[in-house]
Amino acid sequence: MSFDLLDYPWKQLEASDKYSFDCGDPDLNEFFVKDAIPHKKQLIGVTYFFIKTKIHAQ
């Protein structure tokens, strides 16, 4: 399966965001739910995710 990431909206994860995340990998799920925001606050890294809904050109 291939896809062009430019076809999908990107969003920077913020502490105020309410989301659920499940990719089937417990370690990655835990990172997004518990570690991503603290890493940003500590300047370790910024986490981005892309939303599954594809943008349709008009």
PDB file of N, CA and C in Angstrom:
ATOM      1  N   MET A   1       0.843  -1.176   0.000  1.00  0.00           N
ATOM      2  CA  MET A   1       0.000   0.000   0.000  1.00  0.00           C
ATOM      3  C   MET A   1       0.886   1.237   0.000  1.00  0.00           C
ATOM      4  N   SER A   2       0.634   2.138  -0.922  1.00  0.00           N
ATOM      5  CA  SER A   2       1.383   3.387  -0.926  1.00  0.00           C
ATOM      6  C   SER A   2       0.400   4.552  -0.950  1.00  0.00           C
ATOM      7  N   PHE A   3       0.830   5.663  -0.426  1.00  0.00           N
ATOM      8  CA  PHE A   3      -0.001   6.860  -0.432  1.00  0.00           C
ATOM      9  C   PHE A   3       0.908   8.070  -0.367  1.00  0.00           C
ATOM     10  N   ASP A   4       0.408   9.189  -0.806  1.00  0.00           N
ATOM     11  CA  ASP A   4       1.149  10.439  -0.795  1.00  0.00           C
ATOM     12  C   ASP A   4       0.742  11.224   0.452  1.00  0.00           C
ATOM     13  N   LEU A   5       1.681  11.445   1.353  1.00  0.00           N
ATOM     14  CA  LEU A   5       1.367  12.139   2.602  1.00  0.00           C
ATOM     15  C   LEU A   5       0.867  13.559   2.373  1.00  0.00           C
ATOM     16  N   LEU A   6       1.177  14.150   1.232  1.00  0.00           N
ATOM     17  CA  LEU A   6       0.700  15.501   0.946  1.00  0.00           C
ATOM     18  C   LEU A   6      -0.805  15.533   0.697  1.00  0.00           C
ATOM     19  N   ASP A   7      -1.409  14.372   0.475  1.00  0.00           N
ATOM     20  CA  ASP A   7      -2.856  14.299   0.276  1.00  0.00           C
ATOM     21  C   ASP A   7      -3.635  14.300   1.589  1.00  0.00           C
ATOM     22  N   TYR A   8      -2.957  14.255   2.711  1.00  0.00           N
ATOM     23  CA  TYR A   8      -3.612  14.142   4.008  1.00  0.00           C
ATOM     24  C   TYR A   8      -3.291  15.359   4.870  1.00  0.00           C
ATOM     25  N   PRO A   9      -4.261  15.828   5.675  1.00  0.00           N
ATOM     26  CA  PRO A   9      -3.981  16.957   6.566  1.00  0.00           C
ATOM     27  C   PRO A   9      -3.014  16.536   7.676  1.00  0.00           C
ATOM     28  N   TRP A  10      -2.111  17.429   8.028  1.00  0.00           N
ATOM     29  CA  TRP A  10      -1.170  17.200   9.130  1.00  0.00           C
ATOM     30  C   TRP A  10      -1.575  18.071  10.296  1.00  0.00           C
ATOM     31  N   LYS A  11      -1.368  17.571  11.499  1.00  0.00           N
ATOM     32  CA  LYS A  11      -1.709  18.336  12.686  1.00  0.00           C
ATOM     33  C   LYS A  11      -0.622  18.143  13.723  1.00  0.00           C
ATOM     34  N   GLN A  12      -0.165  19.257  14.292  1.00  0.00           N
ATOM     35  CA  GLN A  12       0.792  19.172  15.381  1.00  0.00           C
ATOM     36  C   GLN A  12       0.025  18.859  16.655  1.00  0.00           C
ATOM     37  N   LEU A  13       0.472  17.876  17.395  1.00  0.00           N
ATOM     38  CA  LEU A  13      -0.190  17.456  18.624  1.00  0.00           C
ATOM     39  C   LEU A  13       0.006  18.504  19.713  1.00  0.00           C
ATOM     40  N   GLU A  14      -1.086  18.949  20.309  1.00  0.00           N
ATOM     41  CA  GLU A  14      -1.063  19.951  21.375  1.00  0.00           C
ATOM     42  C   GLU A  14      -1.644  19.350  22.651  1.00  0.00           C
ATOM     43  N   ALA A  15      -1.249  19.891  23.795  1.00  0.00           N
ATOM     44  CA  ALA A  15      -1.717  19.377  25.087  1.00  0.00           C
ATOM     45  C   ALA A  15      -3.234  19.477  25.224  1.00  0.00           C
ATOM     46  N   SER A  16      -3.840  20.450  24.570  1.00  0.00           N
ATOM     47  CA  SER A  16      -5.287  20.639  24.685  1.00  0.00           C
ATOM     48  C   SER A  16      -6.087  19.710  23.769  1.00  0.00           C
ATOM     49  N   ASP A  17      -5.416  18.985  22.871  1.00  0.00           N
ATOM     50  CA  ASP A  17      -6.110  18.090  21.943  1.00  0.00           C
ATOM     51  C   ASP A  17      -6.723  16.908  22.684  1.00  0.00           C
ATOM     52  N   LYS A  18      -7.925  16.582  22.303  1.00  0.00           N
ATOM     53  CA  LYS A  18      -8.596  15.383  22.815  1.00  0.00           C
ATOM     54  C   LYS A  18      -8.619  14.377  21.675  1.00  0.00           C
ATOM     55  N   TYR A  19      -8.061  13.224  21.888  1.00  0.00           N
ATOM     56  CA  TYR A  19      -7.975  12.241  20.818  1.00  0.00           C
ATOM     57  C   TYR A  19      -7.881  10.842  21.403  1.00  0.00           C
ATOM     58  N   SER A  20      -8.199   9.886  20.592  1.00  0.00           N
ATOM     59  CA  SER A  20      -7.925   8.496  20.937  1.00  0.00           C
ATOM     60  C   SER A  20      -7.027   7.966  19.828  1.00  0.00           C
ATOM     61  N   PHE A  21      -6.154   7.071  20.169  1.00  0.00           N
ATOM     62  CA  PHE A  21      -5.184   6.578  19.211  1.00  0.00           C
ATOM     63  C   PHE A  21      -4.987   5.092  19.436  1.00  0.00           C
ATOM     64  N   ASP A  22      -5.093   4.324  18.386  1.00  0.00           N
ATOM     65  CA  ASP A  22      -4.806   2.895  18.463  1.00  0.00           C
ATOM     66  C   ASP A  22      -4.312   2.425  17.108  1.00  0.00           C
ATOM     67  N   CYS A  23      -3.021   2.128  17.058  1.00  0.00           N
ATOM     68  CA  CYS A  23      -2.439   1.651  15.804  1.00  0.00           C
ATOM     69  C   CYS A  23      -2.191   0.150  15.847  1.00  0.00           C
ATOM     70  N   GLY A  24      -2.566  -0.486  16.969  1.00  0.00           N
ATOM     71  CA  GLY A  24      -2.336  -1.915  17.094  1.00  0.00           C
ATOM     72  C   GLY A  24      -1.014  -2.253  17.768  1.00  0.00           C
ATOM     73  N   ASP A  25      -0.198  -1.239  18.067  1.00  0.00           N
ATOM     74  CA  ASP A  25       1.089  -1.442  18.735  1.00  0.00           C
ATOM     75  C   ASP A  25       1.006  -0.786  20.115  1.00  0.00           C
ATOM     76  N   PRO A  26       0.966  -1.566  21.191  1.00  0.00           N
ATOM     77  CA  PRO A  26       0.794  -1.003  22.533  1.00  0.00           C
ATOM     78  C   PRO A  26       1.854   0.032  22.909  1.00  0.00           C
ATOM     79  N   ASP A  27       3.104  -0.172  22.508  1.00  0.00           N
ATOM     80  CA  ASP A  27       4.157   0.787  22.845  1.00  0.00           C
ATOM     81  C   ASP A  27       3.942   2.127  22.143  1.00  0.00           C
ATOM     82  N   LEU A  28       3.588   2.092  20.871  1.00  0.00           N
ATOM     83  CA  LEU A  28       3.335   3.328  20.138  1.00  0.00           C
ATOM     84  C   LEU A  28       2.072   4.015  20.650  1.00  0.00           C
ATOM     85  N   ASN A  29       1.048   3.239  20.971  1.00  0.00           N
ATOM     86  CA  ASN A  29      -0.167   3.813  21.563  1.00  0.00           C
ATOM     87  C   ASN A  29       0.171   4.565  22.849  1.00  0.00           C
ATOM     88  N   GLU A  30       0.967   3.950  23.704  1.00  0.00           N
ATOM     89  CA  GLU A  30       1.344   4.577  24.971  1.00  0.00           C
ATOM     90  C   GLU A  30       2.145   5.853  24.732  1.00  0.00           C
ATOM     91  N   PHE A  31       3.042   5.838  23.748  1.00  0.00           N
ATOM     92  CA  PHE A  31       3.826   7.033  23.449  1.00  0.00           C
ATOM     93  C   PHE A  31       2.911   8.203  23.100  1.00  0.00           C
ATOM     94  N   PHE A  32       1.956   7.978  22.181  1.00  0.00           N
ATOM     95  CA  PHE A  32       1.067   9.065  21.776  1.00  0.00           C
ATOM     96  C   PHE A  32       0.217   9.560  22.936  1.00  0.00           C
ATOM     97  N   VAL A  33      -0.274   8.660  23.770  1.00  0.00           N
ATOM     98  CA  VAL A  33      -1.190   9.040  24.846  1.00  0.00           C
ATOM     99  C   VAL A  33      -0.458   9.636  26.049  1.00  0.00           C
ATOM    100  N   LYS A  34       0.717   9.103  26.396  1.00  0.00           N
ATOM    101  CA  LYS A  34       1.380   9.518  27.634  1.00  0.00           C
ATOM    102  C   LYS A  34       2.664  10.315  27.442  1.00  0.00           C
ATOM    103  N   ASP A  35       3.400  10.111  26.357  1.00  0.00           N
ATOM    104  CA  ASP A  35       4.743  10.677  26.250  1.00  0.00           C
ATOM    105  C   ASP A  35       4.910  11.818  25.258  1.00  0.00           C
ATOM    106  N   ALA A  36       4.065  11.909  24.241  1.00  0.00           N
ATOM    107  CA  ALA A  36       4.285  12.875  23.162  1.00  0.00           C
ATOM    108  C   ALA A  36       4.283  14.320  23.672  1.00  0.00           C
ATOM    109  N   ILE A  37       3.302  14.694  24.468  1.00  0.00           N
ATOM    110  CA  ILE A  37       3.216  16.074  24.961  1.00  0.00           C
ATOM    111  C   ILE A  37       4.362  16.399  25.928  1.00  0.00           C
ATOM    112  N   PRO A  38       4.694  15.539  26.912  1.00  0.00           N
ATOM    113  CA  PRO A  38       5.845  15.849  27.770  1.00  0.00           C
ATOM    114  C   PRO A  38       7.156  15.991  26.983  1.00  0.00           C
ATOM    115  N   HIS A  39       7.349  15.200  25.937  1.00  0.00           N
ATOM    116  CA  HIS A  39       8.558  15.332  25.120  1.00  0.00           C
ATOM    117  C   HIS A  39       8.603  16.697  24.460  1.00  0.00           C
ATOM    118  N   LYS A  40       7.453  17.193  24.003  1.00  0.00           N
ATOM    119  CA  LYS A  40       7.401  18.515  23.387  1.00  0.00           C
ATOM    120  C   LYS A  40       7.753  19.582  24.423  1.00  0.00           C
ATOM    121  N   LYS A  41       7.175  19.487  25.614  1.00  0.00           N
ATOM    122  CA  LYS A  41       7.434  20.481  26.663  1.00  0.00           C
ATOM    123  C   LYS A  41       8.902  20.487  27.076  1.00  0.00           C
ATOM    124  N   GLN A  42       9.557  19.328  27.025  1.00  0.00           N
ATOM    125  CA  GLN A  42      10.961  19.216  27.397  1.00  0.00           C
ATOM    126  C   GLN A  42      11.886  19.483  26.205  1.00  0.00           C
ATOM    127  N   LEU A  43      11.305  19.886  25.068  1.00  0.00           N
ATOM    128  CA  LEU A  43      12.046  20.179  23.838  1.00  0.00           C
ATOM    129  C   LEU A  43      12.810  18.969  23.312  1.00  0.00           C
ATOM    130  N   ILE A  44      12.325  17.768  23.625  1.00  0.00           N
ATOM    131  CA  ILE A  44      12.929  16.539  23.103  1.00  0.00           C
ATOM    132  C   ILE A  44      12.471  16.300  21.676  1.00  0.00           C
ATOM    133  N   GLY A  45      11.219  16.626  21.402  1.00  0.00           N
ATOM    134  CA  GLY A  45      10.699  16.412  20.054  1.00  0.00           C
ATOM    135  C   GLY A  45       9.266  16.890  19.943  1.00  0.00           C
ATOM    136  N   VAL A  46       8.833  17.084  18.719  1.00  0.00           N
ATOM    137  CA  VAL A  46       7.457  17.459  18.424  1.00  0.00           C
ATOM    138  C   VAL A  46       6.832  16.309  17.655  1.00  0.00           C
ATOM    139  N   THR A  47       5.638  15.901  18.041  1.00  0.00           N
ATOM    140  CA  THR A  47       4.962  14.786  17.395  1.00  0.00           C
ATOM    141  C   THR A  47       3.887  15.311  16.461  1.00  0.00           C
ATOM    142  N   TYR A  48       3.896  14.791  15.249  1.00  0.00           N
ATOM    143  CA  TYR A  48       2.868  15.103  14.263  1.00  0.00           C
ATOM    144  C   TYR A  48       2.162  13.805  13.907  1.00  0.00           C
ATOM    145  N   PHE A  49       0.921  13.915  13.492  1.00  0.00           N
ATOM    146  CA  PHE A  49       0.212  12.747  12.990  1.00  0.00           C
ATOM    147  C   PHE A  49      -0.606  13.182  11.801  1.00  0.00           C
ATOM    148  N   PHE A  50      -0.901  12.254  10.924  1.00  0.00           N
ATOM    149  CA  PHE A  50      -1.776  12.614   9.818  1.00  0.00           C
ATOM    150  C   PHE A  50      -3.114  11.939  10.007  1.00  0.00           C
ATOM    151  N   ILE A  51      -4.143  12.640   9.590  1.00  0.00           N
ATOM    152  CA  ILE A  51      -5.514  12.188   9.759  1.00  0.00           C
ATOM    153  C   ILE A  51      -5.898  11.328   8.565  1.00  0.00           C
ATOM    154  N   LYS A  52      -6.577  10.241   8.807  1.00  0.00           N
ATOM    155  CA  LYS A  52      -6.875   9.266   7.761  1.00  0.00           C
ATOM    156  C   LYS A  52      -7.778   9.815   6.659  1.00  0.00           C
ATOM    157  N   THR A  53      -8.573  10.835   6.933  1.00  0.00           N
ATOM    158  CA  THR A  53      -9.476  11.398   5.936  1.00  0.00           C
ATOM    159  C   THR A  53      -8.673  12.106   4.859  1.00  0.00           C
ATOM    160  N   LYS A  54      -8.851  11.709   3.628  1.00  0.00           N
ATOM    161  CA  LYS A  54      -8.112  12.290   2.516  1.00  0.00           C
ATOM    162  C   LYS A  54      -8.739  13.619   2.099  1.00  0.00           C
ATOM    163  N   ILE A  55      -7.888  14.598   1.764  1.00  0.00           N
ATOM    164  CA  ILE A  55      -8.349  15.883   1.259  1.00  0.00           C
ATOM    165  C   ILE A  55      -8.656  15.723  -0.219  1.00  0.00           C
ATOM    166  N   HIS A  56      -9.815  16.164  -0.618  1.00  0.00           N
ATOM    167  CA  HIS A  56     -10.193  16.081  -2.027  1.00  0.00           C
ATOM    168  C   HIS A  56      -9.973  17.433  -2.684  1.00  0.00           C
ATOM    169  N   ALA A  57      -9.227  17.447  -3.784  1.00  0.00           N
ATOM    170  CA  ALA A  57      -8.971  18.687  -4.516  1.00  0.00           C
ATOM    171  C   ALA A  57     -10.271  19.215  -5.101  1.00  0.00           C
ATOM    172  N   GLN A  58     -10.422  20.525  -5.071  1.00  0.00           N
ATOM    173  CA  GLN A  58     -11.642  21.133  -5.621  1.00  0.00           C
ATOM    174  C   GLN A  58     -11.320  21.909  -6.869  1.00  0.00           C
TER     175      GLN A  58
END
